[in-house]
């Protein structure tokens, strides 16, 4: 019985690590994409300001 319980608690740890890795990958993807979007927005607003009289 203890063996089954120890496997269950081990699975919780593994699941937690998997979720943490997924969250980290999503965070890195978001940061990368937001940086690219920020650069495009900055150039767009610069062009708008330059076009104003």
Protein backbone atom coordinates (compact mmCIF):
# COMPACT_ATOMS: atom_id res chain seq x y z
CA UNK A 1 0.00 0.00 0.00
CA UNK A 2 2.84 2.40 0.77
CA UNK A 3 4.33 1.71 -2.64
CA UNK A 4 1.12 2.84 -4.37
CA UNK A 5 0.95 6.00 -2.25
CA UNK A 6 4.56 6.87 -2.94
CA UNK A 7 3.98 6.46 -6.68
CA UNK A 8 0.97 8.78 -6.49
CA UNK A 9 2.97 11.48 -4.71
CA UNK A 10 5.78 11.01 -7.23
CA UNK A 11 3.30 11.52 -10.04
CA UNK A 12 2.14 14.79 -8.48
CA UNK A 13 5.69 16.06 -8.54
CA UNK A 14 6.19 15.02 -12.14
CA UNK A 15 2.90 16.63 -13.16
CA UNK A 16 3.86 19.84 -11.39
CA UNK A 17 7.20 19.93 -13.20
CA UNK A 18 5.49 19.32 -16.54
CA UNK A 19 3.05 22.18 -15.94
CA UNK A 20 5.90 24.45 -14.88
CA UNK A 21 7.82 23.65 -18.06
CA UNK A 22 4.76 24.31 -20.20
CA UNK A 23 4.20 27.63 -18.42
CA UNK A 24 7.85 28.59 -18.95
CA UNK A 25 7.69 27.77 -22.66
CA UNK A 26 4.50 29.81 -23.04
CA UNK A 27 6.10 32.73 -21.17
CA UNK A 28 9.16 32.68 -23.43
CA UNK A 29 6.96 32.56 -26.54
CA UNK A 30 4.86 35.48 -25.28
CA UNK A 31 7.89 37.60 -24.44
CA UNK A 32 9.44 36.90 -27.85
CA UNK A 33 6.26 37.74 -29.74
CA UNK A 34 5.48 40.82 -27.67
CA UNK A 35 8.97 42.16 -28.33
CA UNK A 36 8.42 41.79 -32.07
CA UNK A 37 4.98 43.43 -31.85
CA UNK A 38 6.42 46.29 -29.80
CA UNK A 39 9.01 47.01 -32.48
CA UNK A 40 6.33 47.05 -35.20
CA UNK A 41 4.09 49.31 -33.13
CA UNK A 42 6.93 51.72 -32.48
CA UNK A 43 7.71 52.00 -36.19
CA UNK A 44 4.01 52.45 -37.01
CA UNK A 45 3.58 55.27 -34.51
CA UNK A 46 6.82 56.88 -35.69
CA UNK A 47 5.47 56.87 -39.24
CA UNK A 48 2.16 58.37 -38.07
CA UNK A 49 3.94 61.14 -36.16
CA UNK A 50 6.15 61.87 -39.16
CA UNK A 51 3.08 62.15 -41.42
CA UNK A 52 1.37 64.69 -39.17
CA UNK A 53 1.75 68.37 -40.20
